[in-house]
Amino acid sequence: MTLAEKWEADGYAKGYAKGYTKGYAEGRAEARAEGYAELFCKLLTLRFGELAEPIVRRITSASEVERDRWVERLLTADTLDAVLRD
């Protein structure tokens, strides 16, 4: 193996490892967000009744900050609107 081939192989291995690690982390974060959305929708449905599709879409596309804010309101809010207010 020439020096250039070794460098190429080393670069490939490092790039592969970095890409794998990043992809794994992103996949886990996405799975956590999906699991949160499913659980949160179930809790809201049990408390307030069937959720309209736009509400479900809003929950599934929410940021982590929004999700945290909503969780804090879930047990004390009297209405669904009160939980999801901005």
PDB file of N, CA and C in Angstrom:
ATOM      1  N   MET A   1       0.864  -1.178   0.000  1.00  0.00           N
ATOM      2  CA  MET A   1       0.000   0.000   0.000  1.00  0.00           C
ATOM      3  C   MET A   1       0.904   1.232   0.000  1.00  0.00           C
ATOM      4  N   THR A   2       0.608   2.137  -0.901  1.00  0.00           N
ATOM      5  CA  THR A   2       1.386   3.374  -0.957  1.00  0.00           C
ATOM      6  C   THR A   2       0.935   4.317   0.141  1.00  0.00           C
ATOM      7  N   LEU A   3       1.729   5.343   0.375  1.00  0.00           N
ATOM      8  CA  LEU A   3       1.396   6.342   1.383  1.00  0.00           C
ATOM      9  C   LEU A   3       0.077   7.043   1.037  1.00  0.00           C
ATOM     10  N   ALA A   4      -0.123   7.348  -0.218  1.00  0.00           N
ATOM     11  CA  ALA A   4      -1.360   8.008  -0.653  1.00  0.00           C
ATOM     12  C   ALA A   4      -2.570   7.098  -0.409  1.00  0.00           C
ATOM     13  N   GLU A   5      -2.409   5.808  -0.679  1.00  0.00           N
ATOM     14  CA  GLU A   5      -3.504   4.874  -0.449  1.00  0.00           C
ATOM     15  C   GLU A   5      -3.814   4.741   1.049  1.00  0.00           C
ATOM     16  N   LYS A   6      -2.751   4.767   1.871  1.00  0.00           N
ATOM     17  CA  LYS A   6      -2.952   4.710   3.321  1.00  0.00           C
ATOM     18  C   LYS A   6      -3.708   5.939   3.805  1.00  0.00           C
ATOM     19  N   TRP A   7      -3.315   7.109   3.318  1.00  0.00           N
ATOM     20  CA  TRP A   7      -4.005   8.347   3.713  1.00  0.00           C
ATOM     21  C   TRP A   7      -5.469   8.304   3.283  1.00  0.00           C
ATOM     22  N   GLU A   8      -5.680   7.809   2.068  1.00  0.00           N
ATOM     23  CA  GLU A   8      -7.048   7.704   1.575  1.00  0.00           C
ATOM     24  C   GLU A   8      -7.863   6.753   2.444  1.00  0.00           C
ATOM     25  N   ALA A   9      -7.300   5.621   2.792  1.00  0.00           N
ATOM     26  CA  ALA A   9      -7.994   4.651   3.627  1.00  0.00           C
ATOM     27  C   ALA A   9      -8.251   5.217   5.019  1.00  0.00           C
ATOM     28  N   ASP A  10      -7.263   5.906   5.586  1.00  0.00           N
ATOM     29  CA  ASP A  10      -7.439   6.532   6.903  1.00  0.00           C
ATOM     30  C   ASP A  10      -8.543   7.591   6.859  1.00  0.00           C
ATOM     31  N   GLY A  11      -8.533   8.408   5.809  1.00  0.00           N
ATOM     32  CA  GLY A  11      -9.547   9.452   5.654  1.00  0.00           C
ATOM     33  C   GLY A  11     -10.938   8.855   5.519  1.00  0.00           C
ATOM     34  N   TYR A  12     -11.031   7.778   4.761  1.00  0.00           N
ATOM     35  CA  TYR A  12     -12.321   7.099   4.594  1.00  0.00           C
ATOM     36  C   TYR A  12     -12.809   6.558   5.937  1.00  0.00           C
ATOM     37  N   ALA A  13     -11.925   5.913   6.679  1.00  0.00           N
ATOM     38  CA  ALA A  13     -12.302   5.328   7.970  1.00  0.00           C
ATOM     39  C   ALA A  13     -12.755   6.406   8.941  1.00  0.00           C
ATOM     40  N   LYS A  14     -12.026   7.507   8.997  1.00  0.00           N
ATOM     41  CA  LYS A  14     -12.402   8.605   9.900  1.00  0.00           C
ATOM     42  C   LYS A  14     -13.730   9.222   9.481  1.00  0.00           C
ATOM     43  N   GLY A  15     -13.911   9.437   8.191  1.00  0.00           N
ATOM     44  CA  GLY A  15     -15.165  10.005   7.686  1.00  0.00           C
ATOM     45  C   GLY A  15     -16.343   9.092   7.935  1.00  0.00           C
ATOM     46  N   TYR A  16     -16.136   7.805   7.746  1.00  0.00           N
ATOM     47  CA  TYR A  16     -17.195   6.834   7.992  1.00  0.00           C
ATOM     48  C   TYR A  16     -17.592   6.837   9.459  1.00  0.00           C
ATOM     49  N   ALA A  17     -16.601   6.812  10.339  1.00  0.00           N
ATOM     50  CA  ALA A  17     -16.877   6.793  11.779  1.00  0.00           C
ATOM     51  C   ALA A  17     -17.614   8.062  12.202  1.00  0.00           C
ATOM     52  N   LYS A  18     -17.173   9.199  11.701  1.00  0.00           N
ATOM     53  CA  LYS A  18     -17.816  10.470  12.049  1.00  0.00           C
ATOM     54  C   LYS A  18     -19.251  10.496  11.530  1.00  0.00           C
ATOM     55  N   GLY A  19     -19.463  10.070  10.307  1.00  0.00           N
ATOM     56  CA  GLY A  19     -20.799  10.040   9.723  1.00  0.00           C
ATOM     57  C   GLY A  19     -21.715   9.067  10.441  1.00  0.00           C
ATOM     58  N   TYR A  20     -21.197   7.922  10.812  1.00  0.00           N
ATOM     59  CA  TYR A  20     -21.987   6.927  11.537  1.00  0.00           C
ATOM     60  C   TYR A  20     -22.417   7.481  12.886  1.00  0.00           C
ATOM     61  N   THR A  21     -21.487   8.088  13.603  1.00  0.00           N
ATOM     62  CA  THR A  21     -21.787   8.640  14.924  1.00  0.00           C
ATOM     63  C   THR A  21     -22.836   9.736  14.826  1.00  0.00           C
ATOM     64  N   LYS A  22     -22.672  10.625  13.863  1.00  0.00           N
ATOM     65  CA  LYS A  22     -23.634  11.713  13.677  1.00  0.00           C
ATOM     66  C   LYS A  22     -25.012  11.165  13.296  1.00  0.00           C
ATOM     67  N   GLY A  23     -25.051  10.231  12.380  1.00  0.00           N
ATOM     68  CA  GLY A  23     -26.321   9.640  11.955  1.00  0.00           C
ATOM     69  C   GLY A  23     -27.018   8.908  13.082  1.00  0.00           C
ATOM     70  N   TYR A  24     -26.251   8.215  13.893  1.00  0.00           N
ATOM     71  CA  TYR A  24     -26.806   7.487  15.034  1.00  0.00           C
ATOM     72  C   TYR A  24     -27.426   8.474  16.022  1.00  0.00           C
ATOM     73  N   ALA A  25     -26.716   9.543  16.330  1.00  0.00           N
ATOM     74  CA  ALA A  25     -27.222  10.545  17.274  1.00  0.00           C
ATOM     75  C   ALA A  25     -28.486  11.211  16.735  1.00  0.00           C
ATOM     76  N   GLU A  26     -28.486  11.554  15.452  1.00  0.00           N
ATOM     77  CA  GLU A  26     -29.667  12.181  14.857  1.00  0.00           C
ATOM     78  C   GLU A  26     -30.857  11.222  14.858  1.00  0.00           C
ATOM     79  N   GLY A  27     -30.596   9.956  14.597  1.00  0.00           N
ATOM     80  CA  GLY A  27     -31.668   8.960  14.607  1.00  0.00           C
ATOM     81  C   GLY A  27     -32.274   8.796  15.990  1.00  0.00           C
ATOM     82  N   ARG A  28     -31.431   8.798  16.999  1.00  0.00           N
ATOM     83  CA  ARG A  28     -31.935   8.680  18.373  1.00  0.00           C
ATOM     84  C   ARG A  28     -32.764   9.897  18.755  1.00  0.00           C
ATOM     85  N   ALA A  29     -32.299  11.087  18.384  1.00  0.00           N
ATOM     86  CA  ALA A  29     -33.037  12.306  18.701  1.00  0.00           C
ATOM     87  C   ALA A  29     -34.398  12.305  18.006  1.00  0.00           C
ATOM     88  N   GLU A  30     -34.416  11.872  16.761  1.00  0.00           N
ATOM     89  CA  GLU A  30     -35.671  11.811  16.015  1.00  0.00           C
ATOM     90  C   GLU A  30     -36.631  10.794  16.645  1.00  0.00           C
ATOM     91  N   ALA A  31     -36.106   9.661  17.058  1.00  0.00           N
ATOM     92  CA  ALA A  31     -36.943   8.647  17.696  1.00  0.00           C
ATOM     93  C   ALA A  31     -37.509   9.154  19.025  1.00  0.00           C
ATOM     94  N   ARG A  32     -36.698   9.883  19.788  1.00  0.00           N
ATOM     95  CA  ARG A  32     -37.181  10.457  21.044  1.00  0.00           C
ATOM     96  C   ARG A  32     -38.312  11.442  20.782  1.00  0.00           C
ATOM     97  N   ALA A  33     -38.142  12.292  19.773  1.00  0.00           N
ATOM     98  CA  ALA A  33     -39.167  13.287  19.446  1.00  0.00           C
ATOM     99  C   ALA A  33     -40.459  12.606  19.007  1.00  0.00           C
ATOM    100  N   GLU A  34     -40.352  11.556  18.212  1.00  0.00           N
ATOM    101  CA  GLU A  34     -41.541  10.833  17.770  1.00  0.00           C
ATOM    102  C   GLU A  34     -42.239  10.149  18.944  1.00  0.00           C
ATOM    103  N   GLY A  35     -41.458   9.570  19.833  1.00  0.00           N
ATOM    104  CA  GLY A  35     -42.030   8.929  21.010  1.00  0.00           C
ATOM    105  C   GLY A  35     -42.722   9.926  21.910  1.00  0.00           C
ATOM    106  N   TYR A  36     -42.097  11.100  22.066  1.00  0.00           N
ATOM    107  CA  TYR A  36     -42.713  12.157  22.862  1.00  0.00           C
ATOM    108  C   TYR A  36     -44.053  12.551  22.257  1.00  0.00           C
ATOM    109  N   ALA A  37     -44.073  12.800  20.958  1.00  0.00           N
ATOM    110  CA  ALA A  37     -45.297  13.248  20.292  1.00  0.00           C
ATOM    111  C   ALA A  37     -46.411  12.232  20.470  1.00  0.00           C
ATOM    112  N   GLU A  38     -46.081  10.960  20.323  1.00  0.00           N
ATOM    113  CA  GLU A  38     -47.093   9.911  20.471  1.00  0.00           C
ATOM    114  C   GLU A  38     -47.647   9.877  21.899  1.00  0.00           C
ATOM    115  N   LEU A  39     -46.771   9.922  22.878  1.00  0.00           N
ATOM    116  CA  LEU A  39     -47.208   9.900  24.272  1.00  0.00           C
ATOM    117  C   LEU A  39     -48.000  11.156  24.630  1.00  0.00           C
ATOM    118  N   PHE A  40     -47.515  12.304  24.201  1.00  0.00           N
ATOM    119  CA  PHE A  40     -48.182  13.561  24.515  1.00  0.00           C
ATOM    120  C   PHE A  40     -49.571  13.612  23.888  1.00  0.00           C
ATOM    121  N   CYS A  41     -49.691  13.163  22.646  1.00  0.00           N
ATOM    122  CA  CYS A  41     -51.004  13.115  21.987  1.00  0.00           C
ATOM    123  C   CYS A  41     -51.949  12.183  22.741  1.00  0.00           C
ATOM    124  N   LYS A  42     -51.442  11.067  23.216  1.00  0.00           N
ATOM    125  CA  LYS A  42     -52.282  10.139  23.969  1.00  0.00           C
ATOM    126  C   LYS A  42     -52.766  10.781  25.263  1.00  0.00           C
ATOM    127  N   LEU A  43     -51.874  11.447  25.978  1.00  0.00           N
ATOM    128  CA  LEU A  43     -52.258  12.112  27.227  1.00  0.00           C
ATOM    129  C   LEU A  43     -53.286  13.220  26.980  1.00  0.00           C
ATOM    130  N   LEU A  44     -53.060  14.009  25.935  1.00  0.00           N
ATOM    131  CA  LEU A  44     -54.010  15.076  25.603  1.00  0.00           C
ATOM    132  C   LEU A  44     -55.376  14.497  25.229  1.00  0.00           C
ATOM    133  N   THR A  45     -55.373  13.396  24.474  1.00  0.00           N
ATOM    134  CA  THR A  45     -56.628  12.760  24.076  1.00  0.00           C
ATOM    135  C   THR A  45     -57.377  12.239  25.300  1.00  0.00           C
ATOM    136  N   LEU A  46     -56.663  11.635  26.225  1.00  0.00           N
ATOM    137  CA  LEU A  46     -57.312  11.141  27.443  1.00  0.00           C
ATOM    138  C   LEU A  46     -57.901  12.283  28.268  1.00  0.00           C
ATOM    139  N   ARG A  47     -57.237  13.406  28.263  1.00  0.00           N
ATOM    140  CA  ARG A  47     -57.683  14.534  29.087  1.00  0.00           C
ATOM    141  C   ARG A  47     -58.758  15.376  28.409  1.00  0.00           C
ATOM    142  N   PHE A  48     -58.598  15.635  27.093  1.00  0.00           N
ATOM    143  CA  PHE A  48     -59.468  16.590  26.410  1.00  0.00           C
ATOM    144  C   PHE A  48     -60.297  15.999  25.277  1.00  0.00           C
ATOM    145  N   GLY A  49     -60.122  14.728  24.961  1.00  0.00           N
ATOM    146  CA  GLY A  49     -60.870  14.127  23.859  1.00  0.00           C
ATOM    147  C   GLY A  49     -60.051  14.090  22.578  1.00  0.00           C
ATOM    148  N   GLU A  50     -60.678  13.594  21.537  1.00  0.00           N
ATOM    149  CA  GLU A  50     -60.016  13.408  20.241  1.00  0.00           C
ATOM    150  C   GLU A  50     -59.343  14.688  19.758  1.00  0.00           C
ATOM    151  N   LEU A  51     -58.120  14.556  19.218  1.00  0.00           N
ATOM    152  CA  LEU A  51     -57.366  15.705  18.717  1.00  0.00           C
ATOM    153  C   LEU A  51     -57.573  15.860  17.218  1.00  0.00           C
ATOM    154  N   ALA A  52     -57.743  17.084  16.786  1.00  0.00           N
ATOM    155  CA  ALA A  52     -57.847  17.373  15.355  1.00  0.00           C
ATOM    156  C   ALA A  52     -56.475  17.169  14.703  1.00  0.00           C
ATOM    157  N   GLU A  53     -56.476  16.807  13.444  1.00  0.00           N
ATOM    158  CA  GLU A  53     -55.232  16.548  12.722  1.00  0.00           C
ATOM    159  C   GLU A  53     -54.267  17.737  12.753  1.00  0.00           C
ATOM    160  N   PRO A  54     -54.723  18.985  12.612  1.00  0.00           N
ATOM    161  CA  PRO A  54     -53.774  20.107  12.700  1.00  0.00           C
ATOM    162  C   PRO A  54     -53.067  20.184  14.063  1.00  0.00           C
ATOM    163  N   ILE A  55     -53.749  19.802  15.119  1.00  0.00           N
ATOM    164  CA  ILE A  55     -53.132  19.791  16.456  1.00  0.00           C
ATOM    165  C   ILE A  55     -52.053  18.718  16.517  1.00  0.00           C
ATOM    166  N   VAL A  56     -52.355  17.546  15.983  1.00  0.00           N
ATOM    167  CA  VAL A  56     -51.372  16.456  15.969  1.00  0.00           C
ATOM    168  C   VAL A  56     -50.143  16.871  15.172  1.00  0.00           C
ATOM    169  N   ARG A  57     -50.344  17.502  14.019  1.00  0.00           N
ATOM    170  CA  ARG A  57     -49.209  17.975  13.205  1.00  0.00           C
ATOM    171  C   ARG A  57     -48.387  19.012  13.966  1.00  0.00           C
ATOM    172  N   ARG A  58     -49.075  19.897  14.665  1.00  0.00           N
ATOM    173  CA  ARG A  58     -48.366  20.918  15.451  1.00  0.00           C
ATOM    174  C   ARG A  58     -47.497  20.272  16.528  1.00  0.00           C
ATOM    175  N   ILE A  59     -48.031  19.267  17.178  1.00  0.00           N
ATOM    176  CA  ILE A  59     -47.281  18.579  18.228  1.00  0.00           C
ATOM    177  C   ILE A  59     -46.081  17.843  17.647  1.00  0.00           C
ATOM    178  N   THR A  60     -46.276  17.160  16.536  1.00  0.00           N
ATOM    179  CA  THR A  60     -45.178  16.385  15.951  1.00  0.00           C
ATOM    180  C   THR A  60     -44.080  17.259  15.369  1.00  0.00           C
ATOM    181  N   SER A  61     -44.397  18.504  15.047  1.00  0.00           N
ATOM    182  CA  SER A  61     -43.368  19.388  14.481  1.00  0.00           C
ATOM    183  C   SER A  61     -42.843  20.415  15.489  1.00  0.00           C
ATOM    184  N   ALA A  62     -43.234  20.284  16.745  1.00  0.00           N
ATOM    185  CA  ALA A  62     -42.853  21.261  17.769  1.00  0.00           C
ATOM    186  C   ALA A  62     -41.374  21.144  18.142  1.00  0.00           C
ATOM    187  N   SER A  63     -40.840  22.253  18.601  1.00  0.00           N
ATOM    188  CA  SER A  63     -39.461  22.263  19.093  1.00  0.00           C
ATOM    189  C   SER A  63     -39.417  21.689  20.503  1.00  0.00           C
ATOM    190  N   GLU A  64     -38.234  21.388  20.959  1.00  0.00           N
ATOM    191  CA  GLU A  64     -38.067  20.859  22.318  1.00  0.00           C
ATOM    192  C   GLU A  64     -38.523  21.879  23.358  1.00  0.00           C
ATOM    193  N   VAL A  65     -38.282  23.148  23.105  1.00  0.00           N
ATOM    194  CA  VAL A  65     -38.704  24.212  24.025  1.00  0.00           C
ATOM    195  C   VAL A  65     -40.224  24.243  24.145  1.00  0.00           C
ATOM    196  N   GLU A  66     -40.913  24.166  23.001  1.00  0.00           N
ATOM    197  CA  GLU A  66     -42.378  24.146  23.025  1.00  0.00           C
ATOM    198  C   GLU A  66     -42.884  22.922  23.778  1.00  0.00           C
ATOM    199  N   ARG A  67     -42.305  21.756  23.496  1.00  0.00           N
ATOM    200  CA  ARG A  67     -42.742  20.529  24.154  1.00  0.00           C
ATOM    201  C   ARG A  67     -42.595  20.636  25.668  1.00  0.00           C
ATOM    202  N   ASP A  68     -41.477  21.157  26.123  1.00  0.00           N
ATOM    203  CA  ASP A  68     -41.264  21.315  27.569  1.00  0.00           C
ATOM    204  C   ASP A  68     -42.300  22.237  28.190  1.00  0.00           C
ATOM    205  N   ARG A  69     -42.608  23.317  27.503  1.00  0.00           N
ATOM    206  CA  ARG A  69     -43.603  24.277  27.997  1.00  0.00           C
ATOM    207  C   ARG A  69     -44.974  23.622  28.094  1.00  0.00           C
ATOM    208  N   TRP A  70     -45.340  22.841  27.079  1.00  0.00           N
ATOM    209  CA  TRP A  70     -46.642  22.177  27.072  1.00  0.00           C
ATOM    210  C   TRP A  70     -46.755  21.124  28.175  1.00  0.00           C
ATOM    211  N   VAL A  71     -45.697  20.376  28.389  1.00  0.00           N
ATOM    212  CA  VAL A  71     -45.719  19.351  29.438  1.00  0.00           C
ATOM    213  C   VAL A  71     -45.976  19.988  30.791  1.00  0.00           C
ATOM    214  N   GLU A  72     -45.361  21.124  31.036  1.00  0.00           N
ATOM    215  CA  GLU A  72     -45.549  21.827  32.304  1.00  0.00           C
ATOM    216  C   GLU A  72     -47.002  22.259  32.503  1.00  0.00           C
ATOM    217  N   ARG A  73     -47.701  22.549  31.409  1.00  0.00           N
ATOM    218  CA  ARG A  73     -49.088  23.019  31.497  1.00  0.00           C
ATOM    219  C   ARG A  73     -50.115  21.901  31.499  1.00  0.00           C
ATOM    220  N   LEU A  74     -49.735  20.724  31.065  1.00  0.00           N
ATOM    221  CA  LEU A  74     -50.691  19.649  30.842  1.00  0.00           C
ATOM    222  C   LEU A  74     -51.547  19.336  32.062  1.00  0.00           C
ATOM    223  N   LEU A  75     -50.963  19.280  33.225  1.00  0.00           N
ATOM    224  CA  LEU A  75     -51.712  18.872  34.411  1.00  0.00           C
ATOM    225  C   LEU A  75     -52.544  19.977  35.035  1.00  0.00           C
ATOM    226  N   THR A  76     -52.242  21.225  34.712  1.00  0.00           N
ATOM    227  CA  THR A  76     -52.966  22.317  35.355  1.00  0.00           C
ATOM    228  C   THR A  76     -53.918  23.060  34.433  1.00  0.00           C
ATOM    229  N   ALA A  77     -53.769  22.903  33.134  1.00  0.00           N
ATOM    230  CA  ALA A  77     -54.619  23.638  32.202  1.00  0.00           C
ATOM    231  C   ALA A  77     -56.024  23.049  32.151  1.00  0.00           C
ATOM    232  N   ASP A  78     -57.005  23.932  31.980  1.00  0.00           N
ATOM    233  CA  ASP A  78     -58.410  23.509  31.917  1.00  0.00           C
ATOM    234  C   ASP A  78     -58.863  23.159  30.503  1.00  0.00           C
ATOM    235  N   THR A  79     -58.117  23.640  29.497  1.00  0.00           N
ATOM    236  CA  THR A  79     -58.497  23.390  28.111  1.00  0.00           C
ATOM    237  C   THR A  79     -57.259  23.041  27.282  1.00  0.00           C
ATOM    238  N   LEU A  80     -57.503  22.428  26.140  1.00  0.00           N
ATOM    239  CA  LEU A  80     -56.423  22.121  25.216  1.00  0.00           C
ATOM    240  C   LEU A  80     -55.748  23.398  24.742  1.00  0.00           C
ATOM    241  N   ASP A  81     -56.538  24.433  24.469  1.00  0.00           N
ATOM    242  CA  ASP A  81     -55.965  25.709  24.039  1.00  0.00           C
ATOM    243  C   ASP A  81     -55.019  26.270  25.083  1.00  0.00           C
ATOM    244  N   ALA A  82     -55.362  26.095  26.360  1.00  0.00           N
ATOM    245  CA  ALA A  82     -54.493  26.593  27.435  1.00  0.00           C
ATOM    246  C   ALA A  82     -53.167  25.849  27.469  1.00  0.00           C
ATOM    247  N   VAL A  83     -53.185  24.572  27.130  1.00  0.00           N
ATOM    248  CA  VAL A  83     -51.932  23.799  27.100  1.00  0.00           C
ATOM    249  C   VAL A  83     -51.057  24.282  25.955  1.00  0.00           C
ATOM    250  N   LEU A  84     -51.654  24.482  24.776  1.00  0.00           N
ATOM    251  CA  LEU A  84     -50.872  24.752  23.565  1.00  0.00           C
ATOM    252  C   LEU A  84     -50.720  26.235  23.239  1.00  0.00           C
ATOM    253  N   ARG A  85     -51.155  27.097  24.133  1.00  0.00           N
ATOM    254  CA  ARG A  85     -51.027  28.544  23.825  1.00  0.00           C
ATOM    255  C   ARG A  85     -49.559  28.923  23.694  1.00  0.00           C
ATOM    256  N   ASP A  86     -49.330  29.991  22.936  1.00  0.00           N
ATOM    257  CA  ASP A  86     -47.956  30.462  22.709  1.00  0.00           C
ATOM    258  C   ASP A  86     -47.438  31.272  23.854  1.00  0.00           C
TER     259      ASP A  86
END
